[in-house]
Amino acid sequence: MTKEWLTYHIKLEEDGRKIESIMRHSLGLSRRMRQKSARNDAFTLNGKKAYLGTRVRAGDTLKIRLHLEEEGHLAAVAMDLEIAYEDDDVIVLNKPPGLEVHPPEQKAAFRPTLAHGVAYYFEQIGLQSKVRPLHRLDKDTSGLVLFTKSAYAHHALDRQLQEGLLKRSYQTLVLGVPSPLEGTIDEPIGRHPSHPLRRQVTADGEKAITHYKVLQVLDSDLSLVAVTLDTGRTHQIRVHFSYLGMPVLGDALYGGQTMRMNRQALHATSLQWLQPRTKEPVEVQVELPNDIQALLTTRT
């Protein structure tokens, strides 16, 4: 069972502050989480019941129950999950291509997604929590996806994502050889005026920054490229390389050839963040999947 309680020792400079202030400023709990904790008597001070207005003293121990029981909204579906990393606050999965991370918001015929598999896994470990993906990958993009185990962890890691402390890295095969071999694509991305699924570089779009480095030139028309993102726009990597005239291999939506690859050759290879409770750095990496590896092997 995942560790439920967060233990925090009051610092000298926090002497005399209210518990609500500690929760808000020192622990980063949202207003909603603070109120929910109060309604559920989900915190103690030195082992005794306390209130949001209770004042603390230096050396006191505040314990907060993070994993409050929540009603899940997704059906649990048994699924073989490739767990790349797990701790008390998160689970990171290596998603195969062809599987959606989360069901679409609009009503559609039911089809299992990675989130349904996580719901089943939570049931198996006795965790009553909503399924919260911190970020998403396109259906045919493979690689690392992080799910949080509580509202606290989701709030903390979403802040890291917004502040650039949570870093995502990818590798992709693109048609052509980018020049220079290392650089930054800083072009705004917005919706396509006539295609509901597509995005495009457009002057009135949202800021989008992609950093890239060519790892291997396989031949004159194919390169293996490492990519990191400062922003997370829909289809960002795919749109930016298509804009350069070098679409991702297999990406039919943005002009990539599909003869050698029947899905976009894009894989989320690495995630880095700070553990929400300890603030220690965590990094998770995975290898390229077999279909991309096979192309690299035949071209070397």
C-alpha atoms as a PDB file:
ATOM      1  CA  MET A   1       0.000   0.000   0.000  1.00  0.00           C
ATOM      2  CA  THR A   2       1.226   3.475  -0.874  1.00  0.00           C
ATOM      3  CA  LYS A   3       2.395   5.569   2.071  1.00  0.00           C
ATOM      4  CA  GLU A   4      -0.556   7.784   2.961  1.00  0.00           C
ATOM      5  CA  TRP A   5       0.938  10.382   5.280  1.00  0.00           C
ATOM      6  CA  LEU A   6       3.171  13.356   4.643  1.00  0.00           C
ATOM      7  CA  THR A   7       5.247  14.315   7.677  1.00  0.00           C
ATOM      8  CA  TYR A   8       6.469  17.905   8.005  1.00  0.00           C
ATOM      9  CA  HIS A   9       8.567  19.362  10.824  1.00  0.00           C
ATOM     10  CA  ILE A  10       7.888  23.023  11.594  1.00  0.00           C
ATOM     11  CA  LYS A  11      10.923  25.264  11.071  1.00  0.00           C
ATOM     12  CA  LEU A  12      12.060  28.055  13.381  1.00  0.00           C
ATOM     13  CA  GLU A  13      10.977  30.747  10.936  1.00  0.00           C
ATOM     14  CA  GLU A  14       7.477  29.203  10.776  1.00  0.00           C
ATOM     15  CA  ASP A  15       6.883  29.501  14.551  1.00  0.00           C
ATOM     16  CA  GLY A  16       3.489  31.039  15.302  1.00  0.00           C
ATOM     17  CA  ARG A  17       1.981  30.531  11.862  1.00  0.00           C
ATOM     18  CA  LYS A  18      -1.359  28.829  11.324  1.00  0.00           C
ATOM     19  CA  ILE A  19      -1.565  25.309   9.914  1.00  0.00           C
ATOM     20  CA  GLU A  20      -3.418  26.657   6.882  1.00  0.00           C
ATOM     21  CA  SER A  21      -0.463  28.952   6.154  1.00  0.00           C
ATOM     22  CA  ILE A  22       1.979  26.028   6.440  1.00  0.00           C
ATOM     23  CA  MET A  23      -0.151  23.961   4.097  1.00  0.00           C
ATOM     24  CA  ARG A  24      -0.410  26.771   1.583  1.00  0.00           C
ATOM     25  CA  HIS A  25       3.057  28.323   1.562  1.00  0.00           C
ATOM     26  CA  SER A  26       5.402  25.603   2.821  1.00  0.00           C
ATOM     27  CA  LEU A  27       3.706  22.537   1.343  1.00  0.00           C
ATOM     28  CA  GLY A  28       1.998  24.049  -1.694  1.00  0.00           C
ATOM     29  CA  LEU A  29      -1.435  22.576  -1.024  1.00  0.00           C
ATOM     30  CA  SER A  30      -4.222  24.184  -3.018  1.00  0.00           C
ATOM     31  CA  ARG A  31      -7.195  25.836  -1.311  1.00  0.00           C
ATOM     32  CA  ARG A  32      -9.392  22.913  -2.337  1.00  0.00           C
ATOM     33  CA  MET A  33      -6.966  20.388  -0.830  1.00  0.00           C
ATOM     34  CA  ARG A  34      -6.701  22.364   2.420  1.00  0.00           C
ATOM     35  CA  GLN A  35     -10.472  22.478   2.805  1.00  0.00           C
ATOM     36  CA  LYS A  36     -10.868  18.815   1.930  1.00  0.00           C
ATOM     37  CA  SER A  37      -8.228  17.882   4.522  1.00  0.00           C
ATOM     38  CA  ALA A  38     -10.100  19.897   7.153  1.00  0.00           C
ATOM     39  CA  ARG A  39     -13.462  18.292   6.310  1.00  0.00           C
ATOM     40  CA  ASN A  40     -11.950  14.816   6.585  1.00  0.00           C
ATOM     41  CA  ASP A  41      -9.871  15.436   9.751  1.00  0.00           C
ATOM     42  CA  ALA A  42      -6.916  14.444   7.596  1.00  0.00           C
ATOM     43  CA  PHE A  43      -4.112  16.119   9.549  1.00  0.00           C
ATOM     44  CA  THR A  44      -2.680  16.041  13.045  1.00  0.00           C
ATOM     45  CA  LEU A  45      -0.258  18.207  15.011  1.00  0.00           C
ATOM     46  CA  ASN A  46       2.060  16.253  17.306  1.00  0.00           C
ATOM     47  CA  GLY A  47      -0.276  13.299  17.005  1.00  0.00           C
ATOM     48  CA  LYS A  48      -3.395  15.194  18.080  1.00  0.00           C
ATOM     49  CA  LYS A  49      -6.386  16.598  16.238  1.00  0.00           C
ATOM     50  CA  ALA A  50      -5.839  20.122  14.960  1.00  0.00           C
ATOM     51  CA  TYR A  51      -7.589  22.757  12.852  1.00  0.00           C
ATOM     52  CA  LEU A  52      -6.590  25.006   9.969  1.00  0.00           C
ATOM     53  CA  GLY A  53      -6.462  27.922  12.405  1.00  0.00           C
ATOM     54  CA  THR A  54      -4.248  26.124  14.946  1.00  0.00           C
ATOM     55  CA  ARG A  55      -0.922  27.892  15.427  1.00  0.00           C
ATOM     56  CA  VAL A  56       2.274  25.843  15.297  1.00  0.00           C
ATOM     57  CA  ARG A  57       5.555  26.052  17.166  1.00  0.00           C
ATOM     58  CA  ALA A  58       9.077  25.358  15.898  1.00  0.00           C
ATOM     59  CA  GLY A  59       9.799  21.645  16.188  1.00  0.00           C
ATOM     60  CA  ASP A  60       6.146  20.593  15.971  1.00  0.00           C
ATOM     61  CA  THR A  61       5.283  17.681  13.689  1.00  0.00           C
ATOM     62  CA  LEU A  62       2.457  18.146  11.213  1.00  0.00           C
ATOM     63  CA  LYS A  63       1.168  15.006   9.526  1.00  0.00           C
ATOM     64  CA  ILE A  64      -1.221  15.190   6.572  1.00  0.00           C
ATOM     65  CA  ARG A  65      -3.059  12.260   5.014  1.00  0.00           C
ATOM     66  CA  LEU A  66      -2.584  12.689   1.285  1.00  0.00           C
ATOM     67  CA  HIS A  67      -4.458   9.713  -0.098  1.00  0.00           C
ATOM     68  CA  LEU A  68      -8.018  10.559   0.823  1.00  0.00           C
ATOM     69  CA  GLU A  69     -10.483   8.069  -0.586  1.00  0.00           C
ATOM     70  CA  GLU A  70     -11.872   9.221  -3.920  1.00  0.00           C
ATOM     71  CA  GLU A  71     -14.438   7.702  -6.206  1.00  0.00           C
ATOM     72  CA  GLY A  72     -12.855   6.779  -9.511  1.00  0.00           C
ATOM     73  CA  HIS A  73     -14.682   7.690 -12.699  1.00  0.00           C
ATOM     74  CA  LEU A  74     -13.053   5.148 -15.006  1.00  0.00           C
ATOM     75  CA  ALA A  75     -13.812   1.475 -15.458  1.00  0.00           C
ATOM     76  CA  ALA A  76     -10.976  -0.766 -14.325  1.00  0.00           C
ATOM     77  CA  VAL A  77      -9.569  -2.826 -17.208  1.00  0.00           C
ATOM     78  CA  ALA A  78      -6.928  -5.519 -16.642  1.00  0.00           C
ATOM     79  CA  MET A  79      -3.933  -4.632 -18.764  1.00  0.00           C
ATOM     80  CA  ASP A  80      -0.250  -5.530 -19.013  1.00  0.00           C
ATOM     81  CA  LEU A  81       1.427  -2.330 -17.858  1.00  0.00           C
ATOM     82  CA  GLU A  82       5.138  -1.751 -18.303  1.00  0.00           C
ATOM     83  CA  ILE A  83       6.024   0.108 -15.103  1.00  0.00           C
ATOM     84  CA  ALA A  84       9.210   2.130 -15.579  1.00  0.00           C
ATOM     85  CA  TYR A  85       9.143   3.731 -12.108  1.00  0.00           C
ATOM     86  CA  GLU A  86       6.885   3.913  -9.057  1.00  0.00           C
ATOM     87  CA  ASP A  87       6.982   5.544  -5.621  1.00  0.00           C
ATOM     88  CA  ASP A  88       4.437   6.699  -3.042  1.00  0.00           C
ATOM     89  CA  ASP A  89       3.259   9.582  -5.213  1.00  0.00           C
ATOM     90  CA  VAL A  90       3.599   8.610  -8.885  1.00  0.00           C
ATOM     91  CA  ILE A  91       3.665   5.760 -11.337  1.00  0.00           C
ATOM     92  CA  VAL A  92       5.483   6.107 -14.679  1.00  0.00           C
ATOM     93  CA  LEU A  93       4.493   3.787 -17.519  1.00  0.00           C
ATOM     94  CA  ASN A  94       6.135   2.979 -20.837  1.00  0.00           C
ATOM     95  CA  LYS A  95       3.164   3.334 -23.192  1.00  0.00           C
ATOM     96  CA  PRO A  96       3.084   1.236 -26.374  1.00  0.00           C
ATOM     97  CA  PRO A  97       2.017   2.848 -29.660  1.00  0.00           C
ATOM     98  CA  GLY A  98      -1.628   2.526 -30.634  1.00  0.00           C
ATOM     99  CA  LEU A  99      -2.995   3.097 -27.112  1.00  0.00           C
ATOM    100  CA  GLU A 100      -4.587   6.339 -25.994  1.00  0.00           C
ATOM    101  CA  VAL A 101      -3.509   7.755 -22.623  1.00  0.00           C
ATOM    102  CA  HIS A 102      -7.015   8.798 -21.553  1.00  0.00           C
ATOM    103  CA  PRO A 103     -10.495   8.499 -23.076  1.00  0.00           C
ATOM    104  CA  PRO A 104     -11.621  11.514 -25.117  1.00  0.00           C
ATOM    105  CA  GLU A 105     -13.806  14.062 -23.371  1.00  0.00           C
ATOM    106  CA  GLN A 106     -16.595  13.742 -25.902  1.00  0.00           C
ATOM    107  CA  LYS A 107     -18.786  10.669 -25.635  1.00  0.00           C
ATOM    108  CA  ALA A 108     -17.710   7.875 -27.956  1.00  0.00           C
ATOM    109  CA  ALA A 109     -17.817   4.105 -28.168  1.00  0.00           C
ATOM    110  CA  PHE A 110     -15.893   2.601 -25.254  1.00  0.00           C
ATOM    111  CA  ARG A 111     -12.346   1.501 -25.933  1.00  0.00           C
ATOM    112  CA  PRO A 112      -9.737   0.782 -23.272  1.00  0.00           C
ATOM    113  CA  THR A 113      -7.023   3.360 -22.674  1.00  0.00           C
ATOM    114  CA  LEU A 114      -3.894   3.435 -20.540  1.00  0.00           C
ATOM    115  CA  ALA A 115      -5.887   5.237 -17.838  1.00  0.00           C
ATOM    116  CA  HIS A 116      -8.310   2.293 -17.602  1.00  0.00           C
ATOM    117  CA  GLY A 117      -5.328   0.029 -17.001  1.00  0.00           C
ATOM    118  CA  VAL A 118      -4.069   2.359 -14.261  1.00  0.00           C
ATOM    119  CA  ALA A 119      -7.525   2.284 -12.637  1.00  0.00           C
ATOM    120  CA  TYR A 120      -7.266  -1.512 -12.477  1.00  0.00           C
ATOM    121  CA  TYR A 121      -3.734  -1.317 -11.057  1.00  0.00           C
ATOM    122  CA  PHE A 122      -4.869   1.114  -8.349  1.00  0.00           C
ATOM    123  CA  GLU A 123      -7.599  -1.378  -7.402  1.00  0.00           C
ATOM    124  CA  GLN A 124      -5.026  -4.150  -7.105  1.00  0.00           C
ATOM    125  CA  ILE A 125      -2.804  -2.181  -4.712  1.00  0.00           C
ATOM    126  CA  GLY A 126      -5.755  -0.937  -2.648  1.00  0.00           C
ATOM    127  CA  LEU A 127      -5.483   2.716  -3.652  1.00  0.00           C
ATOM    128  CA  GLN A 128      -8.820   4.516  -3.918  1.00  0.00           C
ATOM    129  CA  SER A 129      -7.814   7.468  -6.051  1.00  0.00           C
ATOM    130  CA  LYS A 130      -8.800   9.150  -9.272  1.00  0.00           C
ATOM    131  CA  VAL A 131      -6.603   8.394 -12.261  1.00  0.00           C
ATOM    132  CA  ARG A 132      -4.631  11.547 -13.029  1.00  0.00           C
ATOM    133  CA  PRO A 133      -2.221  11.613 -15.983  1.00  0.00           C
ATOM    134  CA  LEU A 134       0.095  14.583 -15.532  1.00  0.00           C
ATOM    135  CA  HIS A 135       0.620  14.898 -19.276  1.00  0.00           C
ATOM    136  CA  ARG A 136      -0.378  13.007 -22.392  1.00  0.00           C
ATOM    137  CA  LEU A 137       1.113  11.430 -25.486  1.00  0.00           C
ATOM    138  CA  ASP A 138      -0.613  11.066 -28.818  1.00  0.00           C
ATOM    139  CA  LYS A 139      -2.153   7.653 -29.454  1.00  0.00           C
ATOM    140  CA  ASP A 140       0.628   6.545 -31.807  1.00  0.00           C
ATOM    141  CA  THR A 141       3.491   8.112 -29.834  1.00  0.00           C
ATOM    142  CA  SER A 142       5.183   5.653 -27.498  1.00  0.00           C
ATOM    143  CA  GLY A 143       7.121   6.134 -24.272  1.00  0.00           C
ATOM    144  CA  LEU A 144       6.932   7.515 -20.775  1.00  0.00           C
ATOM    145  CA  VAL A 145       3.727   8.827 -19.211  1.00  0.00           C
ATOM    146  CA  LEU A 146       3.499   9.929 -15.567  1.00  0.00           C
ATOM    147  CA  PHE A 147       0.352   9.363 -13.492  1.00  0.00           C
ATOM    148  CA  THR A 148      -0.006  10.834  -9.996  1.00  0.00           C
ATOM    149  CA  LYS A 149      -1.530   8.946  -7.062  1.00  0.00           C
ATOM    150  CA  SER A 150      -3.130  11.892  -5.228  1.00  0.00           C
ATOM    151  CA  ALA A 151      -4.386  15.427  -5.697  1.00  0.00           C
ATOM    152  CA  TYR A 152      -1.355  16.616  -3.696  1.00  0.00           C
ATOM    153  CA  ALA A 153       1.144  14.957  -6.029  1.00  0.00           C
ATOM    154  CA  HIS A 154      -0.717  16.151  -9.112  1.00  0.00           C
ATOM    155  CA  HIS A 155      -0.798  19.749  -7.896  1.00  0.00           C
ATOM    156  CA  ALA A 156       2.906  19.692  -6.951  1.00  0.00           C
ATOM    157  CA  LEU A 157       4.061  18.147 -10.219  1.00  0.00           C
ATOM    158  CA  ASP A 158       1.792  20.298 -12.366  1.00  0.00           C
ATOM    159  CA  ARG A 159       3.514  23.328 -10.808  1.00  0.00           C
ATOM    160  CA  GLN A 160       6.875  21.806 -11.707  1.00  0.00           C
ATOM    161  CA  LEU A 161       5.637  21.285 -15.253  1.00  0.00           C
ATOM    162  CA  GLN A 162       4.527  24.908 -15.541  1.00  0.00           C
ATOM    163  CA  GLU A 163       7.794  26.164 -14.026  1.00  0.00           C
ATOM    164  CA  GLY A 164      10.002  24.027 -16.258  1.00  0.00           C
ATOM    165  CA  LEU A 165      11.271  21.824 -13.426  1.00  0.00           C
ATOM    166  CA  LEU A 166       9.688  18.707 -14.899  1.00  0.00           C
ATOM    167  CA  LYS A 167      11.569  17.936 -18.102  1.00  0.00           C
ATOM    168  CA  ARG A 168      10.474  15.685 -20.954  1.00  0.00           C
ATOM    169  CA  SER A 169      12.819  14.278 -23.581  1.00  0.00           C
ATOM    170  CA  TYR A 170      12.020  12.449 -26.800  1.00  0.00           C
ATOM    171  CA  GLN A 171      13.749  10.776 -29.716  1.00  0.00           C
ATOM    172  CA  THR A 172      12.321  10.807 -33.198  1.00  0.00           C
ATOM    173  CA  LEU A 173      13.183   9.851 -36.767  1.00  0.00           C
ATOM    174  CA  VAL A 174      12.686  12.762 -39.171  1.00  0.00           C
ATOM    175  CA  LEU A 175      12.819  12.849 -42.950  1.00  0.00           C
ATOM    176  CA  GLY A 176      15.928  14.836 -43.791  1.00  0.00           C
ATOM    177  CA  VAL A 177      18.903  16.253 -41.910  1.00  0.00           C
ATOM    178  CA  PRO A 178      18.200  19.369 -39.818  1.00  0.00           C
ATOM    179  CA  SER A 179      20.642  22.226 -40.283  1.00  0.00           C
ATOM    180  CA  PRO A 180      22.221  23.204 -38.002  1.00  0.00           C
ATOM    181  CA  LEU A 181      22.574  19.783 -36.364  1.00  0.00           C
ATOM    182  CA  GLU A 182      21.612  21.307 -33.014  1.00  0.00           C
ATOM    183  CA  GLY A 183      19.206  24.171 -32.461  1.00  0.00           C
ATOM    184  CA  THR A 184      15.876  25.550 -31.263  1.00  0.00           C
ATOM    185  CA  ILE A 185      12.561  25.887 -33.072  1.00  0.00           C
ATOM    186  CA  ASP A 186      10.682  28.858 -31.628  1.00  0.00           C
ATOM    187  CA  GLU A 187       7.470  29.123 -33.626  1.00  0.00           C
ATOM    188  CA  PRO A 188       3.901  29.633 -32.294  1.00  0.00           C
ATOM    189  CA  ILE A 189       1.383  26.861 -32.854  1.00  0.00           C
ATOM    190  CA  GLY A 190      -2.367  27.167 -33.313  1.00  0.00           C
ATOM    191  CA  ARG A 191      -5.316  25.299 -34.776  1.00  0.00           C
ATOM    192  CA  HIS A 192      -5.535  24.559 -38.475  1.00  0.00           C
ATOM    193  CA  PRO A 193      -8.401  26.560 -40.038  1.00  0.00           C
ATOM    194  CA  SER A 194      -9.899  23.665 -42.016  1.00  0.00           C
ATOM    195  CA  HIS A 195      -8.738  20.447 -40.322  1.00  0.00           C
ATOM    196  CA  PRO A 196     -10.063  19.817 -36.784  1.00  0.00           C
ATOM    197  CA  LEU A 197      -7.256  17.405 -35.824  1.00  0.00           C
ATOM    198  CA  ARG A 198      -4.301  19.337 -37.195  1.00  0.00           C
ATOM    199  CA  ARG A 199      -2.226  22.137 -35.739  1.00  0.00           C
ATOM    200  CA  GLN A 200       0.028  24.545 -37.612  1.00  0.00           C
ATOM    201  CA  VAL A 201       2.653  27.207 -37.129  1.00  0.00           C
ATOM    202  CA  THR A 202       0.747  30.476 -37.166  1.00  0.00           C
ATOM    203  CA  ALA A 203       1.532  34.014 -36.044  1.00  0.00           C
ATOM    204  CA  ASP A 204      -1.481  34.153 -33.723  1.00  0.00           C
ATOM    205  CA  GLY A 205      -0.770  30.759 -32.133  1.00  0.00           C
ATOM    206  CA  GLU A 206       0.547  29.950 -28.653  1.00  0.00           C
ATOM    207  CA  LYS A 207       4.249  30.135 -27.877  1.00  0.00           C
ATOM    208  CA  ALA A 208       6.004  26.826 -28.627  1.00  0.00           C
ATOM    209  CA  ILE A 209       9.701  26.090 -28.121  1.00  0.00           C
ATOM    210  CA  THR A 210      11.388  22.857 -29.202  1.00  0.00           C
ATOM    211  CA  HIS A 211      15.104  22.120 -28.684  1.00  0.00           C
ATOM    212  CA  TYR A 212      16.693  19.435 -30.841  1.00  0.00           C
ATOM    213  CA  LYS A 213      20.022  17.698 -31.448  1.00  0.00           C
ATOM    214  CA  VAL A 214      20.791  15.287 -34.279  1.00  0.00           C
ATOM    215  CA  LEU A 215      22.083  12.040 -32.764  1.00  0.00           C
ATOM    216  CA  GLN A 216      22.638  10.074 -35.943  1.00  0.00           C
ATOM    217  CA  VAL A 217      22.375  10.728 -39.687  1.00  0.00           C
ATOM    218  CA  LEU A 218      21.185   7.440 -41.147  1.00  0.00           C
ATOM    219  CA  ASP A 219      21.352   8.636 -44.744  1.00  0.00           C
ATOM    220  CA  SER A 220      20.530  11.779 -46.710  1.00  0.00           C
ATOM    221  CA  ASP A 221      16.825  11.488 -45.984  1.00  0.00           C
ATOM    222  CA  LEU A 222      16.610  10.199 -42.404  1.00  0.00           C
ATOM    223  CA  SER A 223      17.960  11.391 -39.040  1.00  0.00           C
ATOM    224  CA  LEU A 224      17.593  10.286 -35.435  1.00  0.00           C
ATOM    225  CA  VAL A 225      16.976  13.414 -33.368  1.00  0.00           C
ATOM    226  CA  ALA A 226      16.813  14.044 -29.602  1.00  0.00           C
ATOM    227  CA  VAL A 227      14.170  16.580 -28.599  1.00  0.00           C
ATOM    228  CA  THR A 228      13.311  18.473 -25.412  1.00  0.00           C
ATOM    229  CA  LEU A 229      10.371  20.803 -24.874  1.00  0.00           C
ATOM    230  CA  ASP A 230       9.975  24.107 -23.065  1.00  0.00           C
ATOM    231  CA  THR A 231       6.249  24.098 -23.846  1.00  0.00           C
ATOM    232  CA  GLY A 232       3.674  21.376 -24.405  1.00  0.00           C
ATOM    233  CA  ARG A 233       1.456  22.315 -27.328  1.00  0.00           C
ATOM    234  CA  THR A 234      -0.670  19.693 -29.066  1.00  0.00           C
ATOM    235  CA  HIS A 235       1.435  17.816 -31.654  1.00  0.00           C
ATOM    236  CA  GLN A 236       4.311  20.255 -30.982  1.00  0.00           C
ATOM    237  CA  ILE A 237       7.225  18.094 -32.158  1.00  0.00           C
ATOM    238  CA  ARG A 238       5.309  16.830 -35.162  1.00  0.00           C
ATOM    239  CA  VAL A 239       4.209  20.335 -36.213  1.00  0.00           C
ATOM    240  CA  HIS A 240       7.624  21.945 -35.745  1.00  0.00           C
ATOM    241  CA  PHE A 241       9.527  19.389 -37.810  1.00  0.00           C
ATOM    242  CA  SER A 242       6.853  19.413 -40.505  1.00  0.00           C
ATOM    243  CA  TYR A 243       7.239  23.206 -40.570  1.00  0.00           C
ATOM    244  CA  LEU A 244      10.970  22.728 -41.242  1.00  0.00           C
ATOM    245  CA  GLY A 245      10.101  20.473 -44.182  1.00  0.00           C
ATOM    246  CA  MET A 246      11.331  17.424 -42.277  1.00  0.00           C
ATOM    247  CA  PRO A 247       8.225  15.649 -40.962  1.00  0.00           C
ATOM    248  CA  VAL A 248       8.418  12.780 -38.506  1.00  0.00           C
ATOM    249  CA  LEU A 249       8.686   9.435 -40.285  1.00  0.00           C
ATOM    250  CA  GLY A 250       5.320   7.676 -40.443  1.00  0.00           C
ATOM    251  CA  ASP A 251       3.335  10.791 -39.514  1.00  0.00           C
ATOM    252  CA  ALA A 252       0.674  10.812 -42.234  1.00  0.00           C
ATOM    253  CA  LEU A 253      -1.159  13.767 -40.660  1.00  0.00           C
ATOM    254  CA  TYR A 254       1.831  16.070 -41.195  1.00  0.00           C
ATOM    255  CA  GLY A 255       3.355  14.697 -44.385  1.00  0.00           C
ATOM    256  CA  GLY A 256       5.583  11.901 -43.117  1.00  0.00           C
ATOM    257  CA  GLN A 257       6.141   8.810 -45.272  1.00  0.00           C
ATOM    258  CA  THR A 258       4.330   5.701 -44.064  1.00  0.00           C
ATOM    259  CA  MET A 259       6.018   3.053 -46.236  1.00  0.00           C
ATOM    260  CA  ARG A 260       8.721   2.307 -43.653  1.00  0.00           C
ATOM    261  CA  MET A 261       6.710   3.086 -40.508  1.00  0.00           C
ATOM    262  CA  ASN A 262       2.966   2.782 -39.926  1.00  0.00           C
ATOM    263  CA  ARG A 263       2.916   5.266 -37.027  1.00  0.00           C
ATOM    264  CA  GLN A 264       4.844   8.410 -36.176  1.00  0.00           C
ATOM    265  CA  ALA A 265       8.394   7.444 -35.151  1.00  0.00           C
ATOM    266  CA  LEU A 266       8.289   9.409 -31.906  1.00  0.00           C
ATOM    267  CA  HIS A 267       9.165   8.045 -28.468  1.00  0.00           C
ATOM    268  CA  ALA A 268       9.207   9.733 -25.040  1.00  0.00           C
ATOM    269  CA  THR A 269      12.569   8.515 -23.712  1.00  0.00           C
ATOM    270  CA  SER A 270      13.128  10.424 -20.465  1.00  0.00           C
ATOM    271  CA  LEU A 271      11.344  12.238 -17.627  1.00  0.00           C
ATOM    272  CA  GLN A 272      12.982  14.296 -14.867  1.00  0.00           C
ATOM    273  CA  TRP A 273      11.293  15.888 -11.839  1.00  0.00           C
ATOM    274  CA  LEU A 274      11.624  16.582  -8.131  1.00  0.00           C
ATOM    275  CA  GLN A 275       9.971  14.057  -5.824  1.00  0.00           C
ATOM    276  CA  PRO A 276       7.014  15.962  -4.294  1.00  0.00           C
ATOM    277  CA  ARG A 277       7.762  15.047  -0.672  1.00  0.00           C
ATOM    278  CA  THR A 278      11.561  14.864  -0.505  1.00  0.00           C
ATOM    279  CA  LYS A 279      12.396  17.290  -3.363  1.00  0.00           C
ATOM    280  CA  GLU A 280      15.094  14.844  -4.457  1.00  0.00           C
ATOM    281  CA  PRO A 281      15.683  14.704  -8.240  1.00  0.00           C
ATOM    282  CA  VAL A 282      14.258  11.696 -10.077  1.00  0.00           C
ATOM    283  CA  GLU A 283      15.079  10.652 -13.634  1.00  0.00           C
ATOM    284  CA  VAL A 284      13.529   7.777 -15.584  1.00  0.00           C
ATOM    285  CA  GLN A 285      14.753   6.590 -18.972  1.00  0.00           C
ATOM    286  CA  VAL A 286      13.610   3.887 -21.372  1.00  0.00           C
ATOM    287  CA  GLU A 287      15.047   2.406 -24.550  1.00  0.00           C
ATOM    288  CA  LEU A 288      13.636   3.005 -28.002  1.00  0.00           C
ATOM    289  CA  PRO A 289      10.856   0.540 -28.930  1.00  0.00           C
ATOM    290  CA  ASN A 290      11.436  -2.373 -31.273  1.00  0.00           C
ATOM    291  CA  ASP A 291       9.927  -0.785 -34.387  1.00  0.00           C
ATOM    292  CA  ILE A 292      12.253   2.232 -34.226  1.00  0.00           C
ATOM    293  CA  GLN A 293      15.215   0.056 -33.224  1.00  0.00           C
ATOM    294  CA  ALA A 294      14.607  -2.115 -36.272  1.00  0.00           C
ATOM    295  CA  LEU A 295      14.878   0.888 -38.582  1.00  0.00           C
ATOM    296  CA  LEU A 296      18.109   1.984 -36.936  1.00  0.00           C
ATOM    297  CA  THR A 297      19.556  -1.490 -37.350  1.00  0.00           C
ATOM    298  CA  THR A 298      18.723  -1.726 -41.041  1.00  0.00           C
ATOM    299  CA  ARG A 299      20.218   1.701 -41.729  1.00  0.00           C
ATOM    300  CA  THR A 300      23.574   1.199 -39.950  1.00  0.00           C
END
